[in-house]
Amino acid sequence: MSILPRVCQRHQRSQSQAFTLSELMVTVAVIGIVGSLVFASSQVFLRRDQANAAAAELVGWLEGISGRSGAFGPCTVQFTTANGLAPGATFASLQGSDARCTSEANLALPSTDGNRTYNVAVTYTPAGTTSMAFTPRGGVVANGVEAIVKISVNNQLPLRCVRVSFGTLSTGINNATGDVTQACSVWERT
């Protein structure tokens, strides 16, 4: 028996067990696509957590003011509206009221990771209103003023909202947009 057929058989087996260049390129492309999808979805989760944190801190701060306004009110609150607010920037403050309404006269935006900024918009009803006052009557907002504070991170989805109406606080969400000129579509009373 000759050595040549054995060498050819081994060579054929080794070729069938190896990857071709095109198979490797397809594999790398699939891994790249999956990786980019995972990265993109993780960015949405991070922005959602940061917008949720800002809304939760605002609700807690407003609940504290509302609760203390019965003893120390009226407590007047004003919101900062702007695009590109840096983490740590003031986005709500107590205006010329008794400092006993809250232990923190200014509420700062929570920190973020990376190069992210907040977009904050406020819609007041009636139009032309620029602040709201919690009265000594158990945290009721004076003069029927309603405010909706809208928060997003980098003007990308999701959008989070906090509504202050009469004496109640509600939180809202809109997972389809991060545009603060839009409205929240689902509301929940806190």
C-alpha atoms as a PDB file:
ATOM      1  CA  MET A   1       0.000   0.000   0.000  1.00  0.00           C
ATOM      2  CA  SER A   2       1.311   3.345  -0.898  1.00  0.00           C
ATOM      3  CA  ILE A   3       1.784   6.318   1.448  1.00  0.00           C
ATOM      4  CA  LEU A   4       0.218   8.733  -1.017  1.00  0.00           C
ATOM      5  CA  PRO A   5      -3.438   7.692  -0.493  1.00  0.00           C
ATOM      6  CA  ARG A   6      -3.040   8.009   3.312  1.00  0.00           C
ATOM      7  CA  VAL A   7      -1.663  11.543   2.992  1.00  0.00           C
ATOM      8  CA  CYS A   8      -4.544  12.542   0.693  1.00  0.00           C
ATOM      9  CA  GLN A   9      -7.071  11.102   3.117  1.00  0.00           C
ATOM     10  CA  ARG A  10      -5.576  13.063   6.023  1.00  0.00           C
ATOM     11  CA  HIS A  11      -5.488  16.220   3.908  1.00  0.00           C
ATOM     12  CA  GLN A  12      -9.164  15.814   2.983  1.00  0.00           C
ATOM     13  CA  ARG A  13     -10.139  15.305   6.628  1.00  0.00           C
ATOM     14  CA  SER A  14      -8.262  18.406   7.770  1.00  0.00           C
ATOM     15  CA  GLN A  15      -9.902  20.540   5.081  1.00  0.00           C
ATOM     16  CA  SER A  16     -13.391  19.459   6.074  1.00  0.00           C
ATOM     17  CA  GLN A  17     -12.733  20.322   9.738  1.00  0.00           C
ATOM     18  CA  ALA A  18     -11.474  23.878   9.144  1.00  0.00           C
ATOM     19  CA  PHE A  19     -13.508  27.066   8.805  1.00  0.00           C
ATOM     20  CA  THR A  20     -13.486  28.903   5.529  1.00  0.00           C
ATOM     21  CA  LEU A  21     -12.774  32.613   5.402  1.00  0.00           C
ATOM     22  CA  SER A  22     -16.381  33.372   4.479  1.00  0.00           C
ATOM     23  CA  GLU A  23     -17.677  31.342   7.456  1.00  0.00           C
ATOM     24  CA  LEU A  24     -15.399  33.283   9.789  1.00  0.00           C
ATOM     25  CA  MET A  25     -16.531  36.615   8.300  1.00  0.00           C
ATOM     26  CA  VAL A  26     -20.215  35.700   8.742  1.00  0.00           C
ATOM     27  CA  THR A  27     -19.565  34.629  12.339  1.00  0.00           C
ATOM     28  CA  VAL A  28     -17.760  37.887  13.159  1.00  0.00           C
ATOM     29  CA  ALA A  29     -20.559  39.913  11.496  1.00  0.00           C
ATOM     30  CA  VAL A  30     -23.256  38.107  13.529  1.00  0.00           C
ATOM     31  CA  ILE A  31     -21.319  38.645  16.763  1.00  0.00           C
ATOM     32  CA  GLY A  32     -20.936  42.338  15.883  1.00  0.00           C
ATOM     33  CA  ILE A  33     -24.656  42.773  15.208  1.00  0.00           C
ATOM     34  CA  VAL A  34     -25.643  41.013  18.440  1.00  0.00           C
ATOM     35  CA  GLY A  35     -23.102  43.087  20.376  1.00  0.00           C
ATOM     36  CA  SER A  36     -24.408  46.355  18.963  1.00  0.00           C
ATOM     37  CA  LEU A  37     -28.000  45.402  19.837  1.00  0.00           C
ATOM     38  CA  VAL A  38     -26.998  44.547  23.393  1.00  0.00           C
ATOM     39  CA  PHE A  39     -25.089  47.837  23.713  1.00  0.00           C
ATOM     40  CA  ALA A  40     -28.016  49.893  22.329  1.00  0.00           C
ATOM     41  CA  SER A  41     -30.536  48.270  24.659  1.00  0.00           C
ATOM     42  CA  SER A  42     -28.244  48.734  27.649  1.00  0.00           C
ATOM     43  CA  GLN A  43     -28.058  52.468  26.848  1.00  0.00           C
ATOM     44  CA  VAL A  44     -31.875  52.689  26.930  1.00  0.00           C
ATOM     45  CA  PHE A  45     -31.899  50.943  30.320  1.00  0.00           C
ATOM     46  CA  LEU A  46     -29.290  53.352  31.689  1.00  0.00           C
ATOM     47  CA  ARG A  47     -31.214  56.420  30.464  1.00  0.00           C
ATOM     48  CA  ARG A  48     -34.435  54.968  31.895  1.00  0.00           C
ATOM     49  CA  ASP A  49     -32.823  54.452  35.294  1.00  0.00           C
ATOM     50  CA  GLN A  50     -31.430  57.989  35.290  1.00  0.00           C
ATOM     51  CA  ALA A  51     -34.758  59.567  34.254  1.00  0.00           C
ATOM     52  CA  ASN A  52     -36.550  57.436  36.867  1.00  0.00           C
ATOM     53  CA  ALA A  53     -34.080  58.572  39.532  1.00  0.00           C
ATOM     54  CA  ALA A  54     -34.650  62.250  38.692  1.00  0.00           C
ATOM     55  CA  ALA A  55     -38.452  61.807  38.772  1.00  0.00           C
ATOM     56  CA  ALA A  56     -38.324  59.839  42.049  1.00  0.00           C
ATOM     57  CA  GLU A  57     -36.139  62.464  43.730  1.00  0.00           C
ATOM     58  CA  LEU A  58     -38.501  65.213  42.578  1.00  0.00           C
ATOM     59  CA  VAL A  59     -41.541  63.331  43.926  1.00  0.00           C
ATOM     60  CA  GLY A  60     -39.842  62.766  47.284  1.00  0.00           C
ATOM     61  CA  TRP A  61     -38.771  66.416  47.533  1.00  0.00           C
ATOM     62  CA  LEU A  62     -42.264  67.670  46.632  1.00  0.00           C
ATOM     63  CA  GLU A  63     -43.931  65.252  49.076  1.00  0.00           C
ATOM     64  CA  GLY A  64     -41.705  66.619  51.834  1.00  0.00           C
ATOM     65  CA  ILE A  65     -42.630  70.201  50.995  1.00  0.00           C
ATOM     66  CA  SER A  66     -46.319  69.349  50.684  1.00  0.00           C
ATOM     67  CA  GLY A  67     -46.300  67.608  54.062  1.00  0.00           C
ATOM     68  CA  ARG A  68     -44.523  70.438  55.835  1.00  0.00           C
ATOM     69  CA  SER A  69     -46.520  73.229  54.209  1.00  0.00           C
ATOM     70  CA  GLY A  70     -49.361  72.650  56.672  1.00  0.00           C
ATOM     71  CA  ALA A  71     -47.115  73.806  59.513  1.00  0.00           C
ATOM     72  CA  PHE A  72     -44.840  76.257  57.746  1.00  0.00           C
ATOM     73  CA  GLY A  73     -46.534  77.211  54.447  1.00  0.00           C
ATOM     74  CA  PRO A  74     -47.159  78.614  52.064  1.00  0.00           C
ATOM     75  CA  CYS A  75     -44.225  76.917  50.332  1.00  0.00           C
ATOM     76  CA  THR A  76     -43.583  78.165  46.787  1.00  0.00           C
ATOM     77  CA  VAL A  77     -41.731  75.954  44.305  1.00  0.00           C
ATOM     78  CA  GLN A  78     -40.269  76.892  40.941  1.00  0.00           C
ATOM     79  CA  PHE A  79     -38.831  74.522  38.332  1.00  0.00           C
ATOM     80  CA  THR A  80     -35.858  75.054  36.023  1.00  0.00           C
ATOM     81  CA  THR A  81     -36.533  74.241  32.378  1.00  0.00           C
ATOM     82  CA  ALA A  82     -33.746  73.756  29.868  1.00  0.00           C
ATOM     83  CA  ASN A  83     -32.160  71.333  27.470  1.00  0.00           C
ATOM     84  CA  GLY A  84     -28.734  70.015  28.325  1.00  0.00           C
ATOM     85  CA  LEU A  85     -28.862  70.489  32.115  1.00  0.00           C
ATOM     86  CA  ALA A  86     -25.776  68.924  33.657  1.00  0.00           C
ATOM     87  CA  PRO A  87     -26.030  66.392  36.462  1.00  0.00           C
ATOM     88  CA  GLY A  88     -25.962  68.308  39.726  1.00  0.00           C
ATOM     89  CA  ALA A  89     -27.735  71.339  38.234  1.00  0.00           C
ATOM     90  CA  THR A  90     -30.719  72.705  40.158  1.00  0.00           C
ATOM     91  CA  PHE A  91     -34.028  71.789  38.557  1.00  0.00           C
ATOM     92  CA  ALA A  92     -36.406  72.719  41.366  1.00  0.00           C
ATOM     93  CA  SER A  93     -36.095  75.284  44.121  1.00  0.00           C
ATOM     94  CA  LEU A  94     -37.991  76.775  47.025  1.00  0.00           C
ATOM     95  CA  GLN A  95     -38.725  80.436  46.265  1.00  0.00           C
ATOM     96  CA  GLY A  96     -38.781  83.085  48.974  1.00  0.00           C
ATOM     97  CA  SER A  97     -40.736  80.859  51.331  1.00  0.00           C
ATOM     98  CA  ASP A  98     -40.003  79.826  54.853  1.00  0.00           C
ATOM     99  CA  ALA A  99     -36.840  77.693  54.801  1.00  0.00           C
ATOM    100  CA  ARG A 100     -38.559  75.291  57.177  1.00  0.00           C
ATOM    101  CA  CYS A 101     -40.636  73.985  54.232  1.00  0.00           C
ATOM    102  CA  THR A 102     -37.736  71.715  53.311  1.00  0.00           C
ATOM    103  CA  SER A 103     -34.272  70.886  54.530  1.00  0.00           C
ATOM    104  CA  GLU A 104     -32.962  71.376  50.970  1.00  0.00           C
ATOM    105  CA  ALA A 105     -33.971  74.650  49.313  1.00  0.00           C
ATOM    106  CA  ASN A 106     -32.714  73.408  45.922  1.00  0.00           C
ATOM    107  CA  LEU A 107     -33.128  70.014  44.296  1.00  0.00           C
ATOM    108  CA  ALA A 108     -30.255  68.932  42.053  1.00  0.00           C
ATOM    109  CA  LEU A 109     -30.405  66.473  39.196  1.00  0.00           C
ATOM    110  CA  PRO A 110     -28.852  63.101  40.030  1.00  0.00           C
ATOM    111  CA  SER A 111     -25.477  62.111  38.639  1.00  0.00           C
ATOM    112  CA  THR A 112     -25.183  60.175  35.398  1.00  0.00           C
ATOM    113  CA  ASP A 113     -22.546  58.028  33.849  1.00  0.00           C
ATOM    114  CA  GLY A 114     -20.668  59.220  30.829  1.00  0.00           C
ATOM    115  CA  ASN A 115     -21.495  62.323  28.860  1.00  0.00           C
ATOM    116  CA  ARG A 116     -25.231  62.556  29.583  1.00  0.00           C
ATOM    117  CA  THR A 117     -27.356  65.620  30.245  1.00  0.00           C
ATOM    118  CA  TYR A 118     -30.977  66.122  31.245  1.00  0.00           C
ATOM    119  CA  ASN A 119     -33.755  67.861  29.366  1.00  0.00           C
ATOM    120  CA  VAL A 120     -36.462  69.301  31.601  1.00  0.00           C
ATOM    121  CA  ALA A 121     -39.676  71.024  30.535  1.00  0.00           C
ATOM    122  CA  VAL A 122     -42.566  72.240  32.674  1.00  0.00           C
ATOM    123  CA  THR A 123     -46.125  72.893  31.612  1.00  0.00           C
ATOM    124  CA  TYR A 124     -48.201  75.017  33.985  1.00  0.00           C
ATOM    125  CA  THR A 125     -51.959  75.351  33.998  1.00  0.00           C
ATOM    126  CA  PRO A 126     -53.196  78.093  33.844  1.00  0.00           C
ATOM    127  CA  ALA A 127     -50.855  79.348  31.150  1.00  0.00           C
ATOM    128  CA  GLY A 128     -48.495  82.109  32.220  1.00  0.00           C
ATOM    129  CA  THR A 129     -47.909  80.633  35.667  1.00  0.00           C
ATOM    130  CA  THR A 130     -44.233  80.336  36.637  1.00  0.00           C
ATOM    131  CA  SER A 131     -44.392  78.724  40.094  1.00  0.00           C
ATOM    132  CA  MET A 132     -46.722  76.884  42.438  1.00  0.00           C
ATOM    133  CA  ALA A 133     -47.419  77.318  46.139  1.00  0.00           C
ATOM    134  CA  PHE A 134     -48.365  74.579  48.586  1.00  0.00           C
ATOM    135  CA  THR A 135     -50.736  76.211  51.073  1.00  0.00           C
ATOM    136  CA  PRO A 136     -51.033  75.627  54.823  1.00  0.00           C
ATOM    137  CA  ARG A 137     -54.241  73.677  54.097  1.00  0.00           C
ATOM    138  CA  GLY A 138     -52.518  70.293  54.043  1.00  0.00           C
ATOM    139  CA  GLY A 139     -50.374  70.654  50.948  1.00  0.00           C
ATOM    140  CA  VAL A 140     -53.075  71.852  48.581  1.00  0.00           C
ATOM    141  CA  VAL A 141     -51.703  73.836  45.656  1.00  0.00           C
ATOM    142  CA  ALA A 142     -52.973  77.431  45.700  1.00  0.00           C
ATOM    143  CA  ASN A 143     -55.093  78.969  42.930  1.00  0.00           C
ATOM    144  CA  GLY A 144     -55.764  75.652  41.167  1.00  0.00           C
ATOM    145  CA  VAL A 145     -52.308  75.612  39.581  1.00  0.00           C
ATOM    146  CA  GLU A 146     -51.202  72.360  37.990  1.00  0.00           C
ATOM    147  CA  ALA A 147     -47.644  71.625  36.863  1.00  0.00           C
ATOM    148  CA  ILE A 148     -46.305  68.774  34.759  1.00  0.00           C
ATOM    149  CA  VAL A 149     -42.527  68.349  34.875  1.00  0.00           C
ATOM    150  CA  LYS A 150     -41.122  66.291  31.974  1.00  0.00           C
ATOM    151  CA  ILE A 151     -37.652  64.736  32.197  1.00  0.00           C
ATOM    152  CA  SER A 152     -35.502  62.880  29.685  1.00  0.00           C
ATOM    153  CA  VAL A 153     -31.819  62.062  29.381  1.00  0.00           C
ATOM    154  CA  ASN A 154     -30.010  63.262  26.232  1.00  0.00           C
ATOM    155  CA  ASN A 155     -33.446  63.962  24.708  1.00  0.00           C
ATOM    156  CA  GLN A 156     -33.773  60.235  24.017  1.00  0.00           C
ATOM    157  CA  LEU A 157     -36.357  57.793  25.220  1.00  0.00           C
ATOM    158  CA  PRO A 158     -37.796  57.244  27.729  1.00  0.00           C
ATOM    159  CA  LEU A 159     -39.739  60.292  28.925  1.00  0.00           C
ATOM    160  CA  ARG A 160     -40.704  60.558  32.601  1.00  0.00           C
ATOM    161  CA  CYS A 161     -43.225  63.029  34.045  1.00  0.00           C
ATOM    162  CA  VAL A 162     -44.294  64.279  37.464  1.00  0.00           C
ATOM    163  CA  ARG A 163     -47.707  65.972  37.742  1.00  0.00           C
ATOM    164  CA  VAL A 164     -48.624  68.160  40.708  1.00  0.00           C
ATOM    165  CA  SER A 165     -52.337  68.837  40.792  1.00  0.00           C
ATOM    166  CA  PHE A 166     -54.409  70.292  43.635  1.00  0.00           C
ATOM    167  CA  GLY A 167     -52.756  68.253  46.395  1.00  0.00           C
ATOM    168  CA  THR A 168     -51.736  65.067  44.621  1.00  0.00           C
ATOM    169  CA  LEU A 169     -48.592  63.862  42.910  1.00  0.00           C
ATOM    170  CA  SER A 170     -48.630  61.494  39.944  1.00  0.00           C
ATOM    171  CA  THR A 171     -45.848  59.990  37.885  1.00  0.00           C
ATOM    172  CA  GLY A 172     -46.104  59.343  34.183  1.00  0.00           C
ATOM    173  CA  ILE A 173     -44.184  57.500  31.511  1.00  0.00           C
ATOM    174  CA  ASN A 174     -43.838  57.527  27.750  1.00  0.00           C
ATOM    175  CA  ASN A 175     -41.466  54.840  26.516  1.00  0.00           C
ATOM    176  CA  ALA A 176     -41.934  55.809  22.864  1.00  0.00           C
ATOM    177  CA  THR A 177     -40.185  59.193  23.011  1.00  0.00           C
ATOM    178  CA  GLY A 178     -37.663  61.249  24.930  1.00  0.00           C
ATOM    179  CA  ASP A 179     -38.932  64.561  23.553  1.00  0.00           C
ATOM    180  CA  VAL A 180     -39.921  66.794  26.485  1.00  0.00           C
ATOM    181  CA  THR A 181     -42.432  68.634  24.279  1.00  0.00           C
ATOM    182  CA  GLN A 182     -44.491  65.435  24.140  1.00  0.00           C
ATOM    183  CA  ALA A 183     -46.844  64.116  26.818  1.00  0.00           C
ATOM    184  CA  CYS A 184     -46.631  61.105  29.098  1.00  0.00           C
ATOM    185  CA  SER A 185     -49.131  58.458  28.087  1.00  0.00           C
ATOM    186  CA  VAL A 186     -49.500  56.383  31.269  1.00  0.00           C
ATOM    187  CA  TRP A 187     -50.062  57.951  34.699  1.00  0.00           C
ATOM    188  CA  GLU A 188     -49.874  56.489  38.177  1.00  0.00           C
ATOM    189  CA  ARG A 189     -50.740  58.235  41.427  1.00  0.00           C
ATOM    190  CA  THR A 190     -47.950  58.176  44.010  1.00  0.00           C
END
